[in-house]
N, C-alpha and C. Protein backbone atom coordinates (compact mmCIF):
# COMPACT_ATOMS: atom_id res chain seq x y z
N MET A 1 33.24 -20.21 -0.64
CA MET A 1 31.90 -20.32 -0.93
C MET A 1 30.73 -19.77 0.22
N PRO A 2 30.24 -18.92 -0.10
CA PRO A 2 29.20 -18.51 1.13
C PRO A 2 28.36 -19.81 1.43
N LYS A 3 28.19 -19.67 2.83
CA LYS A 3 27.27 -20.98 3.27
C LYS A 3 25.67 -20.57 3.16
N ARG A 4 24.75 -21.31 2.38
CA ARG A 4 23.68 -21.20 2.15
C ARG A 4 22.69 -21.07 3.32
N HIS A 5 21.67 -20.38 3.26
CA HIS A 5 20.74 -20.47 4.32
C HIS A 5 19.67 -21.55 4.55
N HIS A 6 19.43 -22.13 5.17
CA HIS A 6 18.31 -23.21 5.14
C HIS A 6 17.43 -22.99 6.32
N SER A 7 17.78 -21.73 7.45
CA SER A 7 17.36 -21.29 8.70
C SER A 7 15.75 -21.30 8.50
N PRO A 8 14.87 -21.19 9.56
CA PRO A 8 13.94 -20.93 9.41
C PRO A 8 13.39 -19.37 9.19
N ASN A 9 13.97 -18.60 9.39
CA ASN A 9 14.06 -17.14 8.61
C ASN A 9 14.49 -17.13 6.87
N ALA A 10 14.58 -18.17 6.51
CA ALA A 10 15.18 -17.99 5.05
C ALA A 10 13.77 -17.68 4.33
N LYS A 11 12.63 -17.68 4.94
CA LYS A 11 11.27 -17.74 3.71
C LYS A 11 10.99 -16.02 3.99
N GLY A 12 11.67 -15.31 5.51
CA GLY A 12 11.63 -14.19 5.44
C GLY A 12 12.35 -13.01 4.55
N ARG A 13 13.58 -13.72 4.43
CA ARG A 13 14.88 -13.56 3.88
C ARG A 13 14.49 -13.17 2.16
N ILE A 14 13.85 -14.47 1.96
CA ILE A 14 13.35 -14.57 0.26
C ILE A 14 12.53 -13.49 0.14
N LEU A 15 11.43 -13.19 0.93
CA LEU A 15 10.50 -12.24 0.94
C LEU A 15 11.25 -10.76 0.52
N GLU A 16 11.87 -10.64 1.65
CA GLU A 16 12.57 -9.08 1.52
C GLU A 16 13.65 -8.94 0.24
N VAL A 17 14.25 -9.82 0.08
CA VAL A 17 15.04 -9.70 -1.14
C VAL A 17 14.17 -9.76 -2.44
N ALA A 18 12.97 -10.38 -2.74
CA ALA A 18 12.13 -10.37 -3.65
C ALA A 18 11.84 -8.87 -3.90
N LYS A 19 11.16 -8.41 -2.67
CA LYS A 19 10.58 -7.42 -2.78
C LYS A 19 11.34 -6.04 -3.17
N GLU A 20 12.63 -6.25 -2.69
CA GLU A 20 13.37 -5.24 -3.17
C GLU A 20 13.84 -5.50 -4.47
N ILE A 21 14.14 -6.31 -5.12
CA ILE A 21 14.20 -6.64 -6.59
C ILE A 21 13.30 -6.41 -7.53
N PHE A 22 11.70 -6.89 -7.03
CA PHE A 22 10.35 -6.64 -7.95
C PHE A 22 10.29 -4.86 -7.88
N ALA A 23 10.51 -4.16 -6.56
CA ALA A 23 10.64 -2.86 -6.93
C ALA A 23 11.47 -2.13 -7.61
N GLU A 24 13.03 -2.78 -7.39
CA GLU A 24 13.70 -2.40 -8.61
C GLU A 24 13.43 -2.32 -9.97
N LYS A 25 13.28 -3.48 -10.11
CA LYS A 25 13.31 -4.25 -11.62
C LYS A 25 11.87 -4.45 -12.23
N GLY A 26 10.70 -4.05 -11.28
CA GLY A 26 9.51 -4.57 -11.57
C GLY A 26 9.46 -6.04 -11.76
N PHE A 27 8.26 -6.75 -11.73
CA PHE A 27 7.62 -8.06 -11.34
C PHE A 27 8.35 -8.39 -12.54
N ASP A 28 7.73 -8.30 -14.16
CA ASP A 28 8.01 -9.15 -15.02
C ASP A 28 9.73 -9.00 -15.06
N GLY A 29 10.23 -8.03 -15.21
CA GLY A 29 11.97 -8.04 -15.54
C GLY A 29 12.70 -8.72 -14.12
N SER A 30 12.07 -9.43 -13.04
CA SER A 30 12.76 -10.27 -11.95
C SER A 30 12.74 -11.30 -12.32
N ARG A 31 13.85 -12.32 -11.76
CA ARG A 31 13.93 -13.65 -12.10
C ARG A 31 14.12 -14.28 -10.80
N VAL A 32 13.88 -15.51 -10.32
CA VAL A 32 13.97 -16.16 -9.35
C VAL A 32 15.36 -16.56 -8.98
N ASP A 33 15.72 -16.59 -10.15
CA ASP A 33 17.55 -17.15 -10.27
C ASP A 33 18.17 -15.99 -9.28
N GLU A 34 17.70 -14.46 -9.88
CA GLU A 34 18.00 -13.50 -9.09
C GLU A 34 17.73 -13.59 -7.36
N ILE A 35 16.73 -13.73 -7.44
CA ILE A 35 16.44 -13.58 -6.05
C ILE A 35 17.02 -14.56 -4.97
N ALA A 36 17.32 -15.97 -5.23
CA ALA A 36 18.08 -16.90 -5.15
C ALA A 36 19.43 -16.55 -4.34
N LYS A 37 19.91 -15.70 -5.61
CA LYS A 37 21.51 -15.55 -5.57
C LYS A 37 21.56 -14.37 -4.62
N LYS A 38 20.61 -13.27 -4.59
CA LYS A 38 20.83 -12.20 -3.40
C LYS A 38 21.06 -12.84 -2.41
N ALA A 39 19.60 -13.57 -2.08
CA ALA A 39 19.23 -13.99 -0.58
C ALA A 39 19.86 -14.93 -0.29
N ASN A 40 20.94 -15.77 -1.05
CA ASN A 40 21.75 -16.65 -0.76
C ASN A 40 21.08 -17.89 -0.30
N VAL A 41 20.32 -18.22 -1.14
CA VAL A 41 19.63 -19.47 -0.75
C VAL A 41 19.52 -20.27 -2.10
N PRO A 42 19.35 -21.77 -2.14
CA PRO A 42 19.43 -22.78 -3.40
C PRO A 42 17.80 -22.04 -3.66
N LYS A 43 18.01 -21.89 -5.19
CA LYS A 43 16.51 -21.84 -5.93
C LYS A 43 15.45 -22.94 -5.51
N SER A 44 15.69 -24.03 -5.30
CA SER A 44 14.80 -25.48 -4.89
C SER A 44 14.06 -24.48 -3.56
N LEU A 45 14.62 -23.73 -2.58
CA LEU A 45 14.11 -23.34 -1.14
C LEU A 45 12.92 -22.51 -1.25
N ILE A 46 13.49 -21.85 -2.52
CA ILE A 46 12.09 -20.75 -3.02
C ILE A 46 11.29 -21.33 -3.46
N TYR A 47 11.17 -22.42 -4.24
CA TYR A 47 9.87 -22.94 -4.72
C TYR A 47 9.77 -24.01 -3.57
N TYR A 48 10.34 -24.65 -2.41
CA TYR A 48 9.62 -25.17 -1.35
C TYR A 48 8.74 -24.43 -0.85
N HIS A 49 8.98 -22.99 -0.85
CA HIS A 49 8.16 -22.02 0.09
C HIS A 49 6.89 -21.51 -0.89
N PHE A 50 7.66 -21.28 -1.59
CA PHE A 50 6.75 -20.96 -2.96
C PHE A 50 6.33 -21.10 -3.90
N LYS A 51 5.11 -21.89 -4.79
CA LYS A 51 4.88 -22.45 -5.63
C LYS A 51 5.64 -21.91 -7.17
N SER A 52 5.58 -20.19 -7.08
CA SER A 52 5.70 -19.33 -8.05
C SER A 52 6.03 -17.98 -7.65
N LYS A 53 6.94 -17.51 -8.54
CA LYS A 53 7.42 -16.23 -8.56
C LYS A 53 5.87 -15.18 -7.93
N ASP A 54 4.61 -15.48 -8.63
CA ASP A 54 3.67 -14.75 -8.69
C ASP A 54 2.57 -15.37 -7.17
N ALA A 55 3.33 -16.23 -6.36
CA ALA A 55 2.85 -16.43 -4.95
C ALA A 55 3.68 -15.73 -4.32
N ILE A 56 5.01 -15.58 -4.30
CA ILE A 56 5.92 -14.36 -3.77
C ILE A 56 5.30 -13.22 -3.62
N LEU A 57 4.84 -12.43 -4.76
CA LEU A 57 3.91 -11.25 -5.25
C LEU A 57 2.43 -11.25 -3.91
N GLU A 58 1.75 -12.52 -4.16
CA GLU A 58 0.93 -12.56 -3.10
C GLU A 58 0.93 -12.33 -1.86
N GLU A 59 1.99 -13.22 -1.45
CA GLU A 59 2.61 -13.12 -0.06
C GLU A 59 2.82 -11.81 0.52
N LEU A 60 3.79 -10.85 -0.14
CA LEU A 60 3.68 -9.69 -0.05
C LEU A 60 3.02 -8.58 0.05
N LEU A 61 1.75 -8.91 -1.08
CA LEU A 61 0.61 -8.28 -0.71
C LEU A 61 -0.41 -8.69 0.17
N LYS A 62 -0.30 -10.09 0.89
CA LYS A 62 -0.95 -10.67 2.05
C LYS A 62 -0.55 -9.81 3.51
N THR A 63 0.74 -9.51 3.71
CA THR A 63 1.29 -9.27 4.28
C THR A 63 0.77 -7.49 4.49
N CYS A 64 0.87 -6.83 3.36
CA CYS A 64 0.79 -5.30 3.40
C CYS A 64 -0.53 -5.36 3.86
N LEU A 65 -1.70 -6.03 3.12
CA LEU A 65 -2.87 -5.91 3.46
C LEU A 65 -3.46 -5.98 4.96
N ALA A 66 -2.67 -7.21 5.40
CA ALA A 66 -3.20 -7.28 6.78
C ALA A 66 -2.85 -6.25 7.72
N GLU A 67 -1.69 -5.74 7.74
CA GLU A 67 -1.50 -4.54 8.46
C GLU A 67 -2.31 -3.19 8.26
N TYR A 68 -2.61 -3.16 6.78
CA TYR A 68 -3.44 -2.07 6.62
C TYR A 68 -4.91 -2.17 6.95
N GLU A 69 -5.28 -3.38 6.98
CA GLU A 69 -6.88 -3.70 7.69
C GLU A 69 -6.97 -3.83 8.79
N ALA A 70 -5.59 -3.78 9.78
CA ALA A 70 -5.71 -3.52 11.28
C ALA A 70 -5.42 -2.15 11.52
N ILE A 71 -4.70 -1.37 10.74
CA ILE A 71 -4.70 0.17 10.86
C ILE A 71 -6.42 0.60 10.25
N LEU A 72 -6.81 0.57 9.51
CA LEU A 72 -8.59 0.65 9.24
C LEU A 72 -9.27 0.35 10.68
N ASP A 73 -9.05 -0.96 10.87
CA ASP A 73 -10.05 -1.17 11.92
C ASP A 73 -9.77 -0.44 13.00
N GLU A 74 -8.48 -0.29 13.60
CA GLU A 74 -8.52 0.80 14.41
C GLU A 74 -8.96 2.03 14.27
N VAL A 75 -8.38 2.54 13.17
CA VAL A 75 -9.20 3.92 12.98
C VAL A 75 -10.32 4.11 12.86
N SER A 76 -11.16 3.15 12.31
CA SER A 76 -12.57 3.21 12.54
C SER A 76 -13.48 3.12 13.69
N THR A 77 -12.77 2.66 14.57
CA THR A 77 -13.33 2.62 16.30
C THR A 77 -12.98 3.85 17.26
N THR A 78 -12.21 5.01 16.39
CA THR A 78 -11.93 6.14 16.92
C THR A 78 -12.80 7.04 16.16
N GLN A 79 -12.90 8.37 16.81
CA GLN A 79 -13.76 9.62 16.16
C GLN A 79 -13.11 9.73 15.23
N PRO A 80 -14.25 9.96 13.94
CA PRO A 80 -13.96 10.56 12.80
C PRO A 80 -13.17 11.60 12.66
N ALA A 81 -12.26 11.72 11.72
CA ALA A 81 -11.10 13.09 11.45
C ALA A 81 -11.96 13.70 10.67
N SER A 82 -13.00 14.65 11.41
CA SER A 82 -14.12 15.53 10.58
C SER A 82 -13.05 17.10 10.44
N SER A 83 -12.39 17.47 11.30
CA SER A 83 -11.78 18.66 11.45
C SER A 83 -10.26 18.75 10.26
N SER A 84 -10.09 19.60 9.62
CA SER A 84 -8.64 19.64 9.23
C SER A 84 -7.69 19.32 9.84
N GLU A 85 -7.45 19.47 10.80
CA GLU A 85 -6.45 19.19 11.69
C GLU A 85 -6.17 17.73 11.75
N ALA A 86 -7.24 17.24 12.57
CA ALA A 86 -7.35 15.59 12.38
C ALA A 86 -7.41 14.90 11.48
N LEU A 87 -7.60 15.17 10.02
CA LEU A 87 -7.40 14.57 9.03
C LEU A 87 -6.15 14.80 8.49
N ALA A 88 -5.52 15.83 8.30
CA ALA A 88 -4.31 16.02 8.43
C ALA A 88 -3.25 14.95 9.14
N GLY A 89 -3.50 15.33 10.59
CA GLY A 89 -2.73 14.21 11.49
C GLY A 89 -2.69 12.84 11.16
N ARG A 90 -3.85 12.57 11.07
CA ARG A 90 -4.30 11.10 10.92
C ARG A 90 -3.49 10.44 9.48
N ILE A 91 -3.18 11.29 8.52
CA ILE A 91 -2.78 10.86 6.93
C ILE A 91 -1.03 10.91 7.45
N ARG A 92 -0.88 11.95 7.98
CA ARG A 92 0.59 12.14 8.29
C ARG A 92 1.10 11.01 9.59
N THR A 93 0.55 10.88 10.13
CA THR A 93 1.04 9.72 11.54
C THR A 93 0.50 8.23 11.35
N VAL A 94 -0.56 7.99 10.43
CA VAL A 94 -0.99 6.78 10.54
C VAL A 94 -0.83 6.27 8.94
N TYR A 95 -1.44 6.87 8.15
CA TYR A 95 -1.30 6.42 6.79
C TYR A 95 0.14 6.71 5.65
N LEU A 96 0.79 7.86 5.87
CA LEU A 96 2.11 7.94 5.16
C LEU A 96 2.79 6.96 6.20
N LYS A 97 2.72 6.93 7.38
CA LYS A 97 4.07 6.12 8.00
C LYS A 97 3.65 4.73 7.41
N PHE A 98 2.65 4.00 7.42
CA PHE A 98 2.51 2.91 6.70
C PHE A 98 2.67 2.58 5.33
N LEU A 99 2.40 3.60 4.60
CA LEU A 99 3.38 3.71 3.00
C LEU A 99 4.62 3.69 3.19
N GLU A 100 5.00 4.42 4.27
CA GLU A 100 6.82 4.39 4.45
C GLU A 100 7.42 3.16 4.67
N GLU A 101 6.60 2.27 5.49
CA GLU A 101 7.20 1.27 5.91
C GLU A 101 6.78 0.07 5.12
N HIS A 102 6.16 0.16 3.88
CA HIS A 102 5.77 -0.88 2.79
C HIS A 102 5.97 -0.14 1.68
N GLU A 103 7.03 0.65 1.92
CA GLU A 103 7.52 1.45 0.17
C GLU A 103 7.30 0.41 -0.95
N ASP A 104 8.15 -0.21 -0.80
CA ASP A 104 8.74 -1.24 -2.05
C ASP A 104 7.42 -1.91 -2.05
N THR A 105 6.43 -2.90 -1.52
CA THR A 105 5.48 -3.18 -2.08
C THR A 105 4.42 -2.55 -2.95
N ILE A 106 4.08 -1.29 -2.16
CA ILE A 106 3.25 -0.08 -2.94
C ILE A 106 4.06 0.31 -4.04
N ARG A 107 4.74 0.12 -4.12
CA ARG A 107 5.31 0.68 -5.72
C ARG A 107 5.57 -0.68 -6.59
N ILE A 108 5.60 -1.91 -6.12
CA ILE A 108 5.30 -2.90 -6.93
C ILE A 108 3.96 -2.89 -7.35
N ILE A 109 2.87 -2.89 -6.73
CA ILE A 109 1.69 -2.91 -6.99
C ILE A 109 1.43 -1.69 -8.09
N SER A 110 1.69 -0.59 -7.61
CA SER A 110 1.54 0.43 -8.43
C SER A 110 2.24 0.58 -9.79
N MET A 111 3.36 0.13 -9.67
CA MET A 111 3.91 -0.17 -11.24
C MET A 111 3.00 -1.43 -12.13
N GLU A 112 2.61 -2.43 -11.55
CA GLU A 112 1.85 -3.35 -12.09
C GLU A 112 0.41 -2.73 -12.37
N ALA A 113 -0.19 -1.92 -11.95
CA ALA A 113 -1.16 -0.83 -12.28
C ALA A 113 -1.28 -0.41 -13.54
N LEU A 114 -0.06 0.16 -13.77
CA LEU A 114 0.10 1.58 -14.57
C LEU A 114 0.50 0.63 -15.98
N LYS A 115 0.75 -0.43 -15.89
CA LYS A 115 1.31 -1.18 -17.29
C LYS A 115 -0.20 -1.89 -17.79
N LYS A 116 0.16 -1.51 -19.27
CA LYS A 116 -1.01 -1.59 -20.02
C LYS A 116 -1.08 -2.71 -20.38
N GLY A 117 -2.60 -3.68 -19.97
CA GLY A 117 -3.00 -4.91 -20.31
C GLY A 117 -2.43 -5.74 -19.31
N SER A 118 -2.23 -5.32 -18.04
CA SER A 118 -1.43 -5.94 -16.93
C SER A 118 -2.69 -6.87 -16.25
N GLU A 119 -2.14 -7.92 -16.12
CA GLU A 119 -3.00 -9.27 -15.53
C GLU A 119 -3.27 -8.99 -14.03
N LYS A 120 -2.42 -7.86 -13.59
CA LYS A 120 -2.37 -7.88 -12.19
C LYS A 120 -2.77 -6.34 -11.82
N ALA A 121 -3.33 -5.58 -12.58
CA ALA A 121 -3.75 -4.12 -12.40
C ALA A 121 -4.63 -4.23 -11.30
N HIS A 122 -5.35 -4.95 -11.00
CA HIS A 122 -6.64 -5.32 -10.03
C HIS A 122 -5.84 -5.42 -8.42
N LEU A 123 -4.47 -5.90 -8.24
CA LEU A 123 -4.34 -5.62 -7.15
C LEU A 123 -4.45 -4.38 -6.12
N ALA A 124 -4.26 -3.39 -6.64
CA ALA A 124 -4.38 -1.92 -6.08
C ALA A 124 -5.61 -1.71 -5.59
N PHE A 125 -6.50 -2.44 -6.26
CA PHE A 125 -8.50 -2.45 -6.19
C PHE A 125 -8.42 -3.14 -4.79
N LYS A 126 -7.58 -4.07 -4.29
CA LYS A 126 -7.84 -4.90 -3.22
C LYS A 126 -7.72 -4.27 -1.80
N PHE A 127 -7.04 -3.13 -1.61
CA PHE A 127 -6.82 -2.09 -0.50
C PHE A 127 -8.24 -0.92 -0.54
N VAL A 128 -9.14 -0.83 -1.78
CA VAL A 128 -10.05 -0.14 -1.59
C VAL A 128 -11.28 -1.17 -1.01
N GLU A 129 -11.37 -2.31 -1.42
CA GLU A 129 -12.21 -3.07 -1.40
C GLU A 129 -11.81 -3.53 0.35
N SER A 130 -10.61 -3.86 0.63
CA SER A 130 -10.59 -4.05 2.16
C SER A 130 -11.34 -2.66 3.16
N PHE A 131 -10.83 -1.34 2.44
CA PHE A 131 -11.54 -0.10 3.06
C PHE A 131 -13.14 -0.59 3.32
N MET A 132 -13.68 -0.80 2.16
CA MET A 132 -15.50 -0.63 2.16
C MET A 132 -15.54 -1.90 3.07
N GLU A 133 -15.00 -2.91 3.08
CA GLU A 133 -15.55 -4.00 4.01
C GLU A 133 -15.30 -3.70 5.63
N ILE A 134 -14.52 -3.24 5.73
CA ILE A 134 -14.34 -2.78 7.49
C ILE A 134 -15.19 -1.48 7.54
N ASP A 135 -15.75 -0.60 6.19
CA ASP A 135 -16.58 0.38 6.67
C ASP A 135 -17.81 -0.01 6.85
N ASP A 136 -18.00 -1.07 6.02
CA ASP A 136 -19.61 -1.66 5.91
C ASP A 136 -19.84 -2.40 7.57
N HIS A 137 -18.54 -2.94 7.95
CA HIS A 137 -18.84 -3.84 9.28
C HIS A 137 -19.53 -2.82 10.16
N HIS A 138 -18.40 -1.67 10.47
CA HIS A 138 -18.76 -0.60 11.53
C HIS A 138 -19.89 0.30 11.29
N ARG A 139 -20.39 0.31 9.89
CA ARG A 139 -21.70 1.07 9.95
C ARG A 139 -22.85 -0.11 10.24
N LYS A 140 -22.84 -1.64 9.83
CA LYS A 140 -23.63 -2.17 10.42
C LYS A 140 -23.58 -2.34 11.83
N ARG A 141 -22.75 -2.42 12.98
CA ARG A 141 -22.41 -2.12 13.90
C ARG A 141 -23.46 -0.91 14.64
N SER A 142 -23.44 -0.11 13.75
CA SER A 142 -23.96 1.26 14.53
C SER A 142 -25.28 1.32 13.88
N GLY A 143 -25.79 0.36 13.30
CA GLY A 143 -27.20 0.20 12.96
C GLY A 143 -27.53 1.27 11.38
N GLN A 144 -25.99 1.41 10.49
CA GLN A 144 -26.11 2.42 9.36
C GLN A 144 -25.96 1.63 8.36
N THR A 145 -26.39 1.78 7.15
CA THR A 145 -26.22 1.09 6.05
C THR A 145 -26.42 2.28 4.63
N LEU A 146 -25.65 1.92 3.44
CA LEU A 146 -25.61 2.75 2.43
C LEU A 146 -26.33 1.98 1.37
N THR A 147 -26.84 2.93 0.39
CA THR A 147 -27.58 2.32 -0.32
C THR A 147 -26.47 1.85 -1.47
N ALA A 148 -26.59 1.23 -2.46
CA ALA A 148 -25.66 0.58 -3.44
C ALA A 148 -25.37 1.52 -4.18
N GLU A 149 -26.03 2.82 -4.62
CA GLU A 149 -25.37 4.09 -5.67
C GLU A 149 -24.54 4.50 -4.64
N ALA A 150 -24.93 4.86 -3.29
CA ALA A 150 -24.24 5.39 -2.04
C ALA A 150 -22.68 4.83 -1.97
N ARG A 151 -22.81 3.79 -1.69
CA ARG A 151 -21.59 2.74 -2.15
C ARG A 151 -20.83 2.38 -2.62
N SER A 152 -21.14 2.80 -4.05
CA SER A 152 -20.43 2.91 -4.76
C SER A 152 -19.86 4.30 -5.48
N GLU A 153 -20.30 5.00 -5.08
CA GLU A 153 -19.77 6.77 -4.92
C GLU A 153 -18.41 6.68 -4.43
N LYS A 154 -19.21 6.22 -2.91
CA LYS A 154 -17.82 6.08 -1.55
C LYS A 154 -16.53 5.41 -2.05
N MET A 155 -16.51 4.42 -2.78
CA MET A 155 -15.92 3.51 -3.14
C MET A 155 -14.80 4.28 -4.24
N VAL A 156 -15.68 5.14 -5.22
CA VAL A 156 -14.54 5.87 -6.15
C VAL A 156 -14.17 6.63 -5.37
N VAL A 157 -14.76 7.48 -4.31
CA VAL A 157 -14.12 8.71 -3.97
C VAL A 157 -13.17 8.24 -3.30
N GLU A 158 -12.91 7.19 -2.43
CA GLU A 158 -11.98 6.73 -1.77
C GLU A 158 -10.48 6.29 -2.26
N PHE A 159 -11.05 5.53 -3.42
CA PHE A 159 -9.58 5.29 -4.43
C PHE A 159 -9.14 6.40 -4.99
N PHE A 160 -9.83 7.23 -5.53
CA PHE A 160 -9.45 7.96 -6.53
C PHE A 160 -9.13 9.19 -6.14
N THR A 161 -9.57 9.93 -4.89
CA THR A 161 -9.20 11.07 -4.26
C THR A 161 -8.64 10.96 -3.01
N SER A 162 -8.24 9.84 -2.39
CA SER A 162 -7.42 9.48 -1.32
C SER A 162 -6.51 8.44 -1.61
N PHE A 163 -6.78 7.25 -1.42
CA PHE A 163 -5.91 6.55 -1.45
C PHE A 163 -4.86 6.75 -2.69
N ILE A 164 -5.13 6.75 -4.15
CA ILE A 164 -4.24 7.22 -5.02
C ILE A 164 -3.23 8.22 -4.83
N PRO A 165 -3.95 9.47 -4.49
CA PRO A 165 -3.29 10.69 -4.39
C PRO A 165 -2.20 10.68 -3.10
N VAL A 166 -2.26 10.01 -2.07
CA VAL A 166 -1.71 9.66 -0.88
C VAL A 166 -0.57 8.58 -1.20
N THR A 167 -1.07 7.34 -2.11
CA THR A 167 0.12 6.33 -2.59
C THR A 167 0.92 7.09 -3.59
N LEU A 168 0.85 8.16 -4.35
CA LEU A 168 1.89 8.45 -5.24
C LEU A 168 2.47 9.65 -4.29
N PHE A 169 1.81 10.62 -3.62
CA PHE A 169 3.08 11.44 -2.97
C PHE A 169 4.20 10.69 -2.34
N SER A 170 3.59 9.28 -1.55
CA SER A 170 4.60 8.91 -0.87
C SER A 170 5.68 8.28 -1.90
N CYS A 171 5.37 7.64 -2.85
CA CYS A 171 6.32 7.45 -3.93
C CYS A 171 7.03 8.19 -4.64
N PHE A 172 6.60 9.49 -4.66
CA PHE A 172 7.27 10.49 -5.34
C PHE A 172 7.70 11.85 -4.47
N ARG A 173 7.74 11.76 -3.16
CA ARG A 173 7.88 12.57 -2.19
C ARG A 173 9.34 12.98 -2.15
N ASP A 174 10.10 12.05 -2.07
CA ASP A 174 11.80 12.15 -1.88
C ASP A 174 12.55 12.49 -3.38
N VAL A 175 11.94 12.18 -4.14
CA VAL A 175 12.25 12.58 -5.63
C VAL A 175 11.89 14.05 -6.22
N TRP A 176 11.18 14.26 -5.41
CA TRP A 176 10.52 15.93 -5.51
C TRP A 176 11.24 16.47 -4.78
N SER A 177 11.43 16.33 -3.48
CA SER A 177 11.81 17.06 -2.77
C SER A 177 13.48 17.30 -3.30
N GLU A 178 14.37 16.48 -3.88
CA GLU A 178 15.51 16.27 -4.18
C GLU A 178 15.70 17.24 -5.63
N TYR A 179 14.81 16.79 -6.21
CA TYR A 179 14.68 17.55 -7.76
C TYR A 179 14.49 18.73 -7.71
N PHE A 180 13.25 19.31 -6.77
CA PHE A 180 13.08 20.60 -6.67
C PHE A 180 13.49 21.39 -5.11
N ASP A 181 14.70 20.50 -4.77
CA ASP A 181 15.26 21.24 -3.64
C ASP A 181 14.07 22.10 -2.47
N VAL A 182 13.44 21.25 -1.90
CA VAL A 182 12.06 21.26 -1.29
C VAL A 182 12.30 20.73 -0.04
N ASP A 183 12.39 21.28 1.23
CA ASP A 183 12.13 20.53 2.32
C ASP A 183 11.06 19.47 2.57
N GLN A 184 11.69 18.44 2.72
CA GLN A 184 10.26 17.68 2.76
C GLN A 184 9.13 17.40 3.78
N GLU A 185 9.56 17.81 4.97
CA GLU A 185 8.34 18.44 6.03
C GLU A 185 7.57 19.50 5.33
N ALA A 186 7.93 20.67 4.77
CA ALA A 186 7.03 21.54 4.24
C ALA A 186 6.50 21.13 2.85
N LEU A 187 6.96 20.12 2.30
CA LEU A 187 6.34 19.42 0.93
C LEU A 187 5.10 19.00 1.52
N SER A 188 5.61 17.62 2.72
CA SER A 188 4.44 17.32 2.96
C SER A 188 3.11 18.07 3.51
N GLU A 189 3.56 19.44 4.17
CA GLU A 189 2.44 20.41 4.85
C GLU A 189 1.96 20.58 3.37
N GLN A 190 2.57 21.11 2.12
CA GLN A 190 1.58 21.72 1.06
C GLN A 190 0.69 20.69 0.70
N PHE A 191 1.08 19.26 0.61
CA PHE A 191 0.24 18.06 0.20
C PHE A 191 -0.66 17.94 0.84
N LEU A 192 -0.63 18.15 2.32
CA LEU A 192 -1.72 18.19 3.28
C LEU A 192 -2.88 19.07 3.14
N THR A 193 -2.63 20.19 2.55
CA THR A 193 -3.13 21.41 2.37
C THR A 193 -3.97 20.87 1.21
N ALA A 194 -3.58 20.61 0.42
CA ALA A 194 -3.98 20.35 -1.07
C ALA A 194 -5.10 19.03 -0.82
N TYR A 195 -4.79 18.26 -0.58
CA TYR A 195 -5.51 16.89 0.11
C TYR A 195 -6.75 17.24 0.77
N ASN A 196 -6.77 18.42 1.80
CA ASN A 196 -7.72 18.36 3.03
C ASN A 196 -8.86 19.29 1.84
N SER A 197 -8.10 19.98 1.05
CA SER A 197 -9.25 21.09 -0.03
C SER A 197 -10.02 20.11 -0.88
N THR A 198 -9.50 18.69 -1.18
CA THR A 198 -10.44 18.21 -2.12
C THR A 198 -11.36 17.16 -1.13
N TYR A 199 -10.42 16.18 -0.88
CA TYR A 199 -10.91 14.92 -0.15
C TYR A 199 -11.31 15.23 1.34
N GLY A 200 -10.70 16.32 1.94
CA GLY A 200 -11.12 16.56 3.27
C GLY A 200 -12.38 17.29 3.10
N GLU A 201 -12.72 18.11 1.99
CA GLU A 201 -13.97 18.70 1.84
C GLU A 201 -15.21 17.86 1.76
N TYR A 202 -14.80 16.63 1.02
CA TYR A 202 -16.08 15.27 0.90
C TYR A 202 -16.06 14.96 1.84
N ARG A 203 -15.72 14.68 2.73
CA ARG A 203 -15.36 14.21 4.10
C ARG A 203 -16.62 15.22 4.97
N ARG A 204 -16.42 16.15 4.59
CA ARG A 204 -17.10 17.29 5.61
C ARG A 204 -18.12 17.40 5.24
N GLN A 205 -18.45 17.49 4.06
CA GLN A 205 -19.88 17.52 3.62
C GLN A 205 -20.68 16.08 4.31
N LYS A 206 -19.85 15.05 4.23
CA LYS A 206 -20.89 14.05 4.27
C LYS A 206 -21.56 13.95 6.06
């Protein structure tokens, strides 16, 4: 019988396994028993670290958001990506890289958001809330403010014309490339061209 893990790394192992299972089967279709078996830990240890399956998802989201906010904060302190080349470069080297590293968590959140009547659909909004909070902070430091109407418009634009397209591209890129027999680098360039003509144009007008 394989030895069960009670090491300090057990919590991290539980999170990694839960993330894999949630991404594969969906949050509702996943069971704590299955996580315990694959992580090779007793079920009681999972409940020692997490009160519920929901708490596991919350921890995954918290970790993902923390890194996202760190990236946003760093990007906000640099020169705005106003040119087409600069914007494309930032998406390629910063945001797509982040989405690749957190692919499973992003898939889980996306699946929950698309379920009709899901109580977790709002989780995707946490990303645009973080974006706006950091944007507000840096605007205040430079003596700038947005009206309530302008802020509301910016939130809509950032979420629906930037975050959602980039997120979905990250999720579909591999299967699109395989299905249509397209080189991934070429596909990324085509996406960035399209992205630049929509969201990029909005940014250049502001």
